[in-house]
């Protein structure tokens, strides 16, 4: 929860763009890997709006684009995935 609150505070700095970025951020708390198309469909926002919101989240260091492609990009909420991964490392023998 602390991570979400910290990131929400960072998103507030976006001003007018913050509203749609908050919606995308909320979605990524439920689905930490997302495409622009999937987010647009689920949130009922336009593709350009979701794309711009994800760009803002990337610029703020909250989200990372993980495919390196121009089309069909996948975005990851990496810090949240890292939290979920904690304690799942293999045991060293």
PDB file of N, CA and C in Angstrom:
ATOM      1  N   UNK A   1       0.820  -1.199   0.000  1.00  0.00           N
ATOM      2  CA  UNK A   1       0.000   0.000   0.000  1.00  0.00           C
ATOM      3  C   UNK A   1       0.864   1.262   0.000  1.00  0.00           C
ATOM      4  N   UNK A   2       2.017   1.185   0.663  1.00  0.00           N
ATOM      5  CA  UNK A   2       2.901   2.345   0.696  1.00  0.00           C
ATOM      6  C   UNK A   2       3.393   2.694  -0.709  1.00  0.00           C
ATOM      7  N   UNK A   3       3.689   1.681  -1.512  1.00  0.00           N
ATOM      8  CA  UNK A   3       4.136   1.912  -2.890  1.00  0.00           C
ATOM      9  C   UNK A   3       3.039   2.622  -3.687  1.00  0.00           C
ATOM     10  N   UNK A   4       1.804   2.142  -3.578  1.00  0.00           N
ATOM     11  CA  UNK A   4       0.695   2.758  -4.305  1.00  0.00           C
ATOM     12  C   UNK A   4       0.512   4.214  -3.894  1.00  0.00           C
ATOM     13  N   UNK A   5       0.569   4.476  -2.583  1.00  0.00           N
ATOM     14  CA  UNK A   5       0.399   5.849  -2.091  1.00  0.00           C
ATOM     15  C   UNK A   5       1.519   6.756  -2.585  1.00  0.00           C
ATOM     16  N   UNK A   6       2.745   6.248  -2.559  1.00  0.00           N
ATOM     17  CA  UNK A   6       3.893   7.029  -3.035  1.00  0.00           C
ATOM     18  C   UNK A   6       3.726   7.359  -4.522  1.00  0.00           C
ATOM     19  N   UNK A   7       3.349   6.361  -5.303  1.00  0.00           N
ATOM     20  CA  UNK A   7       3.176   6.584  -6.742  1.00  0.00           C
ATOM     21  C   UNK A   7       2.008   7.531  -7.023  1.00  0.00           C
ATOM     22  N   UNK A   8       0.939   7.436  -6.260  1.00  0.00           N
ATOM     23  CA  UNK A   8      -0.193   8.348  -6.442  1.00  0.00           C
ATOM     24  C   UNK A   8       0.241   9.796  -6.167  1.00  0.00           C
ATOM     25  N   UNK A   9       1.071   9.987  -5.171  1.00  0.00           N
ATOM     26  CA  UNK A   9       1.597  11.321  -4.886  1.00  0.00           C
ATOM     27  C   UNK A   9       2.416  11.859  -6.048  1.00  0.00           C
ATOM     28  N   UNK A  10       3.185  10.990  -6.677  1.00  0.00           N
ATOM     29  CA  UNK A  10       3.983  11.384  -7.835  1.00  0.00           C
ATOM     30  C   UNK A  10       3.084  11.732  -9.015  1.00  0.00           C
ATOM     31  N   UNK A  11       2.042  10.948  -9.220  1.00  0.00           N
ATOM     32  CA  UNK A  11       1.116  11.177 -10.336  1.00  0.00           C
ATOM     33  C   UNK A  11       0.409  12.523 -10.202  1.00  0.00           C
ATOM     34  N   UNK A  12       0.153  12.968  -8.985  1.00  0.00           N
ATOM     35  CA  UNK A  12      -0.531  14.252  -8.771  1.00  0.00           C
ATOM     36  C   UNK A  12       0.212  15.406  -9.429  1.00  0.00           C
ATOM     37  N   UNK A  13       1.512  15.261  -9.616  1.00  0.00           N
ATOM     38  CA  UNK A  13       2.304  16.337 -10.216  1.00  0.00           C
ATOM     39  C   UNK A  13       1.973  16.555 -11.690  1.00  0.00           C
ATOM     40  N   UNK A  14       1.187  15.670 -12.293  1.00  0.00           N
ATOM     41  CA  UNK A  14       0.865  15.780 -13.722  1.00  0.00           C
ATOM     42  C   UNK A  14      -0.176  16.848 -14.031  1.00  0.00           C
ATOM     43  N   UNK A  15      -0.860  17.343 -13.020  1.00  0.00           N
ATOM     44  CA  UNK A  15      -1.880  18.365 -13.261  1.00  0.00           C
ATOM     45  C   UNK A  15      -3.087  17.790 -13.971  1.00  0.00           C
ATOM     46  N   UNK A  16      -3.461  18.368 -15.123  1.00  0.00           N
ATOM     47  CA  UNK A  16      -4.670  17.948 -15.844  1.00  0.00           C
ATOM     48  C   UNK A  16      -4.600  16.501 -16.326  1.00  0.00           C
ATOM     49  N   UNK A  17      -3.413  16.023 -16.617  1.00  0.00           N
ATOM     50  CA  UNK A  17      -3.247  14.648 -17.116  1.00  0.00           C
ATOM     51  C   UNK A  17      -3.357  13.612 -16.013  1.00  0.00           C
ATOM     52  N   UNK A  18      -3.406  14.041 -14.778  1.00  0.00           N
ATOM     53  CA  UNK A  18      -3.392  13.111 -13.654  1.00  0.00           C
ATOM     54  C   UNK A  18      -4.629  12.212 -13.607  1.00  0.00           C
ATOM     55  N   UNK A  19      -5.796  12.718 -14.003  1.00  0.00           N
ATOM     56  CA  UNK A  19      -7.032  11.943 -13.875  1.00  0.00           C
ATOM     57  C   UNK A  19      -6.960  10.624 -14.648  1.00  0.00           C
ATOM     58  N   UNK A  20      -6.580  10.685 -15.912  1.00  0.00           N
ATOM     59  CA  UNK A  20      -6.494   9.445 -16.689  1.00  0.00           C
ATOM     60  C   UNK A  20      -5.304   8.603 -16.241  1.00  0.00           C
ATOM     61  N   UNK A  21      -4.222   9.236 -15.818  1.00  0.00           N
ATOM     62  CA  UNK A  21      -3.066   8.480 -15.317  1.00  0.00           C
ATOM     63  C   UNK A  21      -3.438   7.720 -14.043  1.00  0.00           C
ATOM     64  N   UNK A  22      -4.261   8.326 -13.182  1.00  0.00           N
ATOM     65  CA  UNK A  22      -4.742   7.634 -11.976  1.00  0.00           C
ATOM     66  C   UNK A  22      -5.550   6.393 -12.354  1.00  0.00           C
ATOM     67  N   UNK A  23      -6.389   6.523 -13.367  1.00  0.00           N
ATOM     68  CA  UNK A  23      -7.203   5.374 -13.789  1.00  0.00           C
ATOM     69  C   UNK A  23      -6.330   4.243 -14.315  1.00  0.00           C
ATOM     70  N   UNK A  24      -5.319   4.585 -15.106  1.00  0.00           N
ATOM     71  CA  UNK A  24      -4.405   3.563 -15.625  1.00  0.00           C
ATOM     72  C   UNK A  24      -3.608   2.953 -14.473  1.00  0.00           C
ATOM     73  N   UNK A  25      -3.171   3.778 -13.534  1.00  0.00           N
ATOM     74  CA  UNK A  25      -2.433   3.285 -12.363  1.00  0.00           C
ATOM     75  C   UNK A  25      -3.293   2.325 -11.546  1.00  0.00           C
ATOM     76  N   UNK A  26      -4.547   2.677 -11.341  1.00  0.00           N
ATOM     77  CA  UNK A  26      -5.461   1.791 -10.609  1.00  0.00           C
ATOM     78  C   UNK A  26      -5.604   0.443 -11.321  1.00  0.00           C
ATOM     79  N   UNK A  27      -5.708   0.474 -12.648  1.00  0.00           N
ATOM     80  CA  UNK A  27      -5.796  -0.773 -13.412  1.00  0.00           C
ATOM     81  C   UNK A  27      -4.530  -1.602 -13.226  1.00  0.00           C
ATOM     82  N   UNK A  28      -3.388  -0.940 -13.234  1.00  0.00           N
ATOM     83  CA  UNK A  28      -2.124  -1.674 -13.127  1.00  0.00           C
ATOM     84  C   UNK A  28      -1.897  -2.259 -11.732  1.00  0.00           C
ATOM     85  N   UNK A  29      -2.637  -1.788 -10.753  1.00  0.00           N
ATOM     86  CA  UNK A  29      -2.580  -2.423  -9.435  1.00  0.00           C
ATOM     87  C   UNK A  29      -3.262  -3.783  -9.485  1.00  0.00           C
ATOM     88  N   UNK A  30      -4.234  -3.934 -10.361  1.00  0.00           N
ATOM     89  CA  UNK A  30      -4.931  -5.219 -10.536  1.00  0.00           C
ATOM     90  C   UNK A  30      -4.261  -6.076 -11.593  1.00  0.00           C
ATOM     91  N   UNK A  31      -3.694  -5.423 -12.618  1.00  0.00           N
ATOM     92  CA  UNK A  31      -3.034  -6.108 -13.729  1.00  0.00           C
ATOM     93  C   UNK A  31      -1.698  -5.427 -13.965  1.00  0.00           C
ATOM     94  N   UNK A  32      -0.620  -5.899 -13.316  1.00  0.00           N
ATOM     95  CA  UNK A  32       0.665  -5.202 -13.405  1.00  0.00           C
ATOM     96  C   UNK A  32       1.350  -5.275 -14.768  1.00  0.00           C
ATOM     97  N   UNK A  33       0.822  -6.065 -15.688  1.00  0.00           N
ATOM     98  CA  UNK A  33       1.292  -6.084 -17.074  1.00  0.00           C
ATOM     99  C   UNK A  33       0.105  -5.751 -17.960  1.00  0.00           C
ATOM    100  N   UNK A  34       0.280  -4.755 -18.835  1.00  0.00           N
ATOM    101  CA  UNK A  34      -0.869  -4.304 -19.634  1.00  0.00           C
ATOM    102  C   UNK A  34      -0.398  -3.764 -20.977  1.00  0.00           C
ATOM    103  N   UNK A  35      -1.259  -3.887 -21.973  1.00  0.00           N
ATOM    104  CA  UNK A  35      -1.040  -3.238 -23.265  1.00  0.00           C
ATOM    105  C   UNK A  35      -1.963  -2.029 -23.356  1.00  0.00           C
ATOM    106  N   UNK A  36      -1.645  -1.142 -24.275  1.00  0.00           N
ATOM    107  CA  UNK A  36      -2.485   0.033 -24.471  1.00  0.00           C
ATOM    108  C   UNK A  36      -3.891  -0.406 -24.886  1.00  0.00           C
ATOM    109  N   UNK A  37      -3.961  -1.377 -25.790  1.00  0.00           N
ATOM    110  CA  UNK A  37      -5.252  -1.837 -26.289  1.00  0.00           C
ATOM    111  C   UNK A  37      -6.102  -2.439 -25.172  1.00  0.00           C
ATOM    112  N   UNK A  38      -5.516  -3.284 -24.334  1.00  0.00           N
ATOM    113  CA  UNK A  38      -6.263  -3.922 -23.244  1.00  0.00           C
ATOM    114  C   UNK A  38      -6.730  -2.885 -22.229  1.00  0.00           C
ATOM    115  N   UNK A  39      -5.858  -1.941 -21.890  1.00  0.00           N
ATOM    116  CA  UNK A  39      -6.227  -0.901 -20.924  1.00  0.00           C
ATOM    117  C   UNK A  39      -7.332  -0.018 -21.486  1.00  0.00           C
ATOM    118  N   UNK A  40      -7.236   0.320 -22.759  1.00  0.00           N
ATOM    119  CA  UNK A  40      -8.252   1.152 -23.395  1.00  0.00           C
ATOM    120  C   UNK A  40      -9.612   0.470 -23.341  1.00  0.00           C
ATOM    121  N   UNK A  41      -9.634  -0.798 -23.649  1.00  0.00           N
ATOM    122  CA  UNK A  41     -10.897  -1.541 -23.652  1.00  0.00           C
ATOM    123  C   UNK A  41     -11.477  -1.651 -22.243  1.00  0.00           C
ATOM    124  N   UNK A  42     -10.629  -1.982 -21.279  1.00  0.00           N
ATOM    125  CA  UNK A  42     -11.112  -2.174 -19.914  1.00  0.00           C
ATOM    126  C   UNK A  42     -11.560  -0.868 -19.261  1.00  0.00           C
ATOM    127  N   UNK A  43     -10.814   0.202 -19.514  1.00  0.00           N
ATOM    128  CA  UNK A  43     -11.119   1.483 -18.878  1.00  0.00           C
ATOM    129  C   UNK A  43     -12.103   2.332 -19.681  1.00  0.00           C
ATOM    130  N   UNK A  44     -12.392   1.890 -20.896  1.00  0.00           N
ATOM    131  CA  UNK A  44     -13.274   2.658 -21.792  1.00  0.00           C
ATOM    132  C   UNK A  44     -12.731   4.068 -22.027  1.00  0.00           C
ATOM    133  N   UNK A  45     -11.412   4.118 -22.257  1.00  0.00           N
ATOM    134  CA  UNK A  45     -10.727   5.355 -22.624  1.00  0.00           C
ATOM    135  C   UNK A  45     -10.161   5.172 -24.026  1.00  0.00           C
ATOM    136  N   UNK A  46      -9.917   6.262 -24.731  1.00  0.00           N
ATOM    137  CA  UNK A  46      -9.372   6.165 -26.080  1.00  0.00           C
ATOM    138  C   UNK A  46      -7.934   5.644 -26.048  1.00  0.00           C
ATOM    139  N   UNK A  47      -7.521   5.056 -27.175  1.00  0.00           N
ATOM    140  CA  UNK A  47      -6.146   4.563 -27.282  1.00  0.00           C
ATOM    141  C   UNK A  47      -5.120   5.686 -27.053  1.00  0.00           C
ATOM    142  N   UNK A  48      -5.304   6.879 -27.667  1.00  0.00           N
ATOM    143  CA  UNK A  48      -4.339   7.956 -27.424  1.00  0.00           C
ATOM    144  C   UNK A  48      -4.278   8.395 -25.953  1.00  0.00           C
ATOM    145  N   UNK A  49      -5.421   8.411 -25.273  1.00  0.00           N
ATOM    146  CA  UNK A  49      -5.443   8.806 -23.861  1.00  0.00           C
ATOM    147  C   UNK A  49      -4.670   7.813 -23.017  1.00  0.00           C
ATOM    148  N   UNK A  50      -4.906   6.528 -23.232  1.00  0.00           N
ATOM    149  CA  UNK A  50      -4.186   5.501 -22.472  1.00  0.00           C
ATOM    150  C   UNK A  50      -2.703   5.540 -22.818  1.00  0.00           C
ATOM    151  N   UNK A  51      -2.388   5.686 -24.104  1.00  0.00           N
ATOM    152  CA  UNK A  51      -0.982   5.752 -24.516  1.00  0.00           C
ATOM    153  C   UNK A  51      -0.246   6.902 -23.861  1.00  0.00           C
ATOM    154  N   UNK A  52      -0.884   8.067 -23.838  1.00  0.00           N
ATOM    155  CA  UNK A  52      -0.260   9.246 -23.221  1.00  0.00           C
ATOM    156  C   UNK A  52      -0.125   9.054 -21.708  1.00  0.00           C
ATOM    157  N   UNK A  53      -1.131   8.459 -21.079  1.00  0.00           N
ATOM    158  CA  UNK A  53      -1.067   8.210 -19.634  1.00  0.00           C
ATOM    159  C   UNK A  53       0.084   7.258 -19.310  1.00  0.00           C
ATOM    160  N   UNK A  54       0.231   6.213 -20.117  1.00  0.00           N
ATOM    161  CA  UNK A  54       1.335   5.283 -19.887  1.00  0.00           C
ATOM    162  C   UNK A  54       2.683   5.956 -20.125  1.00  0.00           C
ATOM    163  N   UNK A  55       2.764   6.847 -21.122  1.00  0.00           N
ATOM    164  CA  UNK A  55       4.003   7.601 -21.347  1.00  0.00           C
ATOM    165  C   UNK A  55       4.339   8.443 -20.116  1.00  0.00           C
ATOM    166  N   UNK A  56       3.323   9.090 -19.541  1.00  0.00           N
ATOM    167  CA  UNK A  56       3.549   9.880 -18.323  1.00  0.00           C
ATOM    168  C   UNK A  56       4.062   8.983 -17.193  1.00  0.00           C
ATOM    169  N   UNK A  57       3.448   7.808 -17.029  1.00  0.00           N
ATOM    170  CA  UNK A  57       3.866   6.895 -15.963  1.00  0.00           C
ATOM    171  C   UNK A  57       5.284   6.389 -16.199  1.00  0.00           C
ATOM    172  N   UNK A  58       5.664   6.196 -17.455  1.00  0.00           N
ATOM    173  CA  UNK A  58       7.041   5.809 -17.775  1.00  0.00           C
ATOM    174  C   UNK A  58       7.985   6.958 -17.420  1.00  0.00           C
ATOM    175  N   UNK A  59       7.631   8.169 -17.829  1.00  0.00           N
ATOM    176  CA  UNK A  59       8.471   9.339 -17.548  1.00  0.00           C
ATOM    177  C   UNK A  59       8.658   9.559 -16.048  1.00  0.00           C
ATOM    178  N   UNK A  60       7.631   9.222 -15.255  1.00  0.00           N
ATOM    179  CA  UNK A  60       7.707   9.382 -13.801  1.00  0.00           C
ATOM    180  C   UNK A  60       8.453   8.224 -13.132  1.00  0.00           C
ATOM    181  N   UNK A  61       8.796   7.194 -13.899  1.00  0.00           N
ATOM    182  CA  UNK A  61       9.519   6.059 -13.344  1.00  0.00           C
ATOM    183  C   UNK A  61       8.627   5.056 -12.628  1.00  0.00           C
ATOM    184  N   UNK A  62       7.336   5.125 -12.863  1.00  0.00           N
ATOM    185  CA  UNK A  62       6.392   4.223 -12.194  1.00  0.00           C
ATOM    186  C   UNK A  62       6.219   2.941 -12.998  1.00  0.00           C
ATOM    187  N   UNK A  63       6.206   3.075 -14.313  1.00  0.00           N
ATOM    188  CA  UNK A  63       5.948   1.959 -15.225  1.00  0.00           C
ATOM    189  C   UNK A  63       7.110   1.868 -16.208  1.00  0.00           C
ATOM    190  N   UNK A  64       7.362   0.648 -16.706  1.00  0.00           N
ATOM    191  CA  UNK A  64       8.390   0.453 -17.735  1.00  0.00           C
ATOM    192  C   UNK A  64       7.778  -0.250 -18.938  1.00  0.00           C
ATOM    193  N   UNK A  65       8.214   0.155 -20.128  1.00  0.00           N
ATOM    194  CA  UNK A  65       7.832  -0.550 -21.348  1.00  0.00           C
ATOM    195  C   UNK A  65       8.834  -1.690 -21.492  1.00  0.00           C
ATOM    196  N   UNK A  66       8.343  -2.918 -21.663  1.00  0.00           N
ATOM    197  CA  UNK A  66       9.237  -4.075 -21.591  1.00  0.00           C
ATOM    198  C   UNK A  66       9.495  -4.780 -22.918  1.00  0.00           C
ATOM    199  N   UNK A  67       8.811  -4.396 -24.000  1.00  0.00           N
ATOM    200  CA  UNK A  67       9.002  -5.106 -25.258  1.00  0.00           C
ATOM    201  C   UNK A  67      10.048  -4.468 -26.159  1.00  0.00           C
ATOM    202  N   UNK A  68      10.225  -3.160 -26.071  1.00  0.00           N
ATOM    203  CA  UNK A  68      11.146  -2.460 -26.957  1.00  0.00           C
ATOM    204  C   UNK A  68      10.597  -2.292 -28.367  1.00  0.00           C
ATOM    205  N   UNK A  69       9.322  -2.534 -28.553  1.00  0.00           N
ATOM    206  CA  UNK A  69       8.692  -2.433 -29.876  1.00  0.00           C
ATOM    207  C   UNK A  69       7.982  -1.092 -30.022  1.00  0.00           C
ATOM    208  N   UNK A  70       7.592  -0.790 -31.248  1.00  0.00           N
ATOM    209  CA  UNK A  70       6.785   0.399 -31.516  1.00  0.00           C
ATOM    210  C   UNK A  70       5.299   0.083 -31.417  1.00  0.00           C
ATOM    211  N   UNK A  71       4.937  -1.163 -31.758  1.00  0.00           N
ATOM    212  CA  UNK A  71       3.531  -1.569 -31.746  1.00  0.00           C
ATOM    213  C   UNK A  71       3.359  -2.716 -30.771  1.00  0.00           C
ATOM    214  N   UNK A  72       2.153  -2.853 -30.252  1.00  0.00           N
ATOM    215  CA  UNK A  72       1.812  -3.940 -29.325  1.00  0.00           C
ATOM    216  C   UNK A  72       2.763  -3.975 -28.126  1.00  0.00           C
ATOM    217  N   UNK A  73       3.032  -2.789 -27.603  1.00  0.00           N
ATOM    218  CA  UNK A  73       3.943  -2.684 -26.460  1.00  0.00           C
ATOM    219  C   UNK A  73       3.274  -3.196 -25.187  1.00  0.00           C
ATOM    220  N   UNK A  74       4.086  -3.758 -24.300  1.00  0.00           N
ATOM    221  CA  UNK A  74       3.619  -4.220 -22.997  1.00  0.00           C
ATOM    222  C   UNK A  74       4.289  -3.352 -21.946  1.00  0.00           C
ATOM    223  N   UNK A  75       3.486  -2.888 -21.006  1.00  0.00           N
ATOM    224  CA  UNK A  75       3.982  -2.037 -19.928  1.00  0.00           C
ATOM    225  C   UNK A  75       3.887  -2.800 -18.619  1.00  0.00           C
ATOM    226  N   UNK A  76       4.914  -2.671 -17.790  1.00  0.00           N
ATOM    227  CA  UNK A  76       4.978  -3.397 -16.530  1.00  0.00           C
ATOM    228  C   UNK A  76       5.097  -2.424 -15.364  1.00  0.00           C
ATOM    229  N   UNK A  77       4.336  -2.705 -14.325  1.00  0.00           N
ATOM    230  CA  UNK A  77       4.443  -1.970 -13.058  1.00  0.00           C
ATOM    231  C   UNK A  77       5.530  -2.705 -12.276  1.00  0.00           C
ATOM    232  N   UNK A  78       6.772  -2.447 -12.661  1.00  0.00           N
ATOM    233  CA  UNK A  78       7.925  -3.228 -12.209  1.00  0.00           C
ATOM    234  C   UNK A  78       8.106  -3.206 -10.685  1.00  0.00           C
ATOM    235  N   UNK A  79       7.964  -2.049 -10.062  1.00  0.00           N
ATOM    236  CA  UNK A  79       8.163  -1.987  -8.606  1.00  0.00           C
ATOM    237  C   UNK A  79       7.147  -2.860  -7.881  1.00  0.00           C
ATOM    238  N   UNK A  80       5.923  -2.896  -8.385  1.00  0.00           N
ATOM    239  CA  UNK A  80       4.891  -3.731  -7.774  1.00  0.00           C
ATOM    240  C   UNK A  80       5.194  -5.212  -8.021  1.00  0.00           C
ATOM    241  N   UNK A  81       5.627  -5.539  -9.219  1.00  0.00           N
ATOM    242  CA  UNK A  81       6.007  -6.931  -9.498  1.00  0.00           C
ATOM    243  C   UNK A  81       7.165  -7.369  -8.607  1.00  0.00           C
ATOM    244  N   UNK A  82       8.093  -6.458  -8.341  1.00  0.00           N
ATOM    245  CA  UNK A  82       9.207  -6.777  -7.438  1.00  0.00           C
ATOM    246  C   UNK A  82       8.705  -7.085  -6.034  1.00  0.00           C
ATOM    247  N   UNK A  83       7.714  -6.326  -5.558  1.00  0.00           N
ATOM    248  CA  UNK A  83       7.122  -6.576  -4.241  1.00  0.00           C
ATOM    249  C   UNK A  83       6.464  -7.955  -4.228  1.00  0.00           C
ATOM    250  N   UNK A  84       5.734  -8.279  -5.286  1.00  0.00           N
ATOM    251  CA  UNK A  84       5.063  -9.576  -5.362  1.00  0.00           C
ATOM    252  C   UNK A  84       6.061 -10.729  -5.435  1.00  0.00           C
ATOM    253  N   UNK A  85       7.237 -10.487  -6.011  1.00  0.00           N
ATOM    254  CA  UNK A  85       8.257 -11.531  -6.155  1.00  0.00           C
ATOM    255  C   UNK A  85       9.034 -11.798  -4.863  1.00  0.00           C
ATOM    256  N   UNK A  86       9.011 -10.871  -3.935  1.00  0.00           N
ATOM    257  CA  UNK A  86       9.792 -11.050  -2.701  1.00  0.00           C
ATOM    258  C   UNK A  86       9.393 -12.327  -1.988  1.00  0.00           C
ATOM    259  N   UNK A  87      10.387 -13.082  -1.584  1.00  0.00           N
ATOM    260  CA  UNK A  87      10.145 -14.308  -0.859  1.00  0.00           C
ATOM    261  C   UNK A  87       9.902 -15.511  -1.751  1.00  0.00           C
ATOM    262  N   UNK A  88       9.984 -15.311  -3.057  1.00  0.00           N
ATOM    263  CA  UNK A  88       9.775 -16.431  -3.977  1.00  0.00           C
ATOM    264  C   UNK A  88      11.073 -16.920  -4.601  1.00  0.00           C
ATOM    265  N   UNK A  89      12.205 -16.374  -4.129  1.00  0.00           N
ATOM    266  CA  UNK A  89      13.489 -16.803  -4.659  1.00  0.00           C
ATOM    267  C   UNK A  89      13.746 -18.256  -4.296  1.00  0.00           C
ATOM    268  N   UNK A  90      14.421 -19.006  -5.168  1.00  0.00           N
ATOM    269  CA  UNK A  90      14.739 -20.409  -4.836  1.00  0.00           C
ATOM    270  C   UNK A  90      15.678 -20.470  -3.633  1.00  0.00           C
ATOM    271  N   UNK A  91      15.520 -21.500  -2.864  1.00  0.00           N
ATOM    272  CA  UNK A  91      16.381 -21.709  -1.699  1.00  0.00           C
ATOM    273  C   UNK A  91      17.772 -22.099  -2.162  1.00  0.00           C
ATOM    274  N   UNK A  92      18.770 -21.536  -1.538  1.00  0.00           N
ATOM    275  CA  UNK A  92      20.145 -21.935  -1.869  1.00  0.00           C
ATOM    276  C   UNK A  92      20.511 -23.156  -1.033  1.00  0.00           C
ATOM    277  N   UNK A  93      21.089 -24.115  -1.667  1.00  0.00           N
ATOM    278  CA  UNK A  93      21.433 -25.355  -0.959  1.00  0.00           C
ATOM    279  C   UNK A  93      22.874 -25.389  -0.567  1.00  0.00           C
TER     280      UNK A  93
END
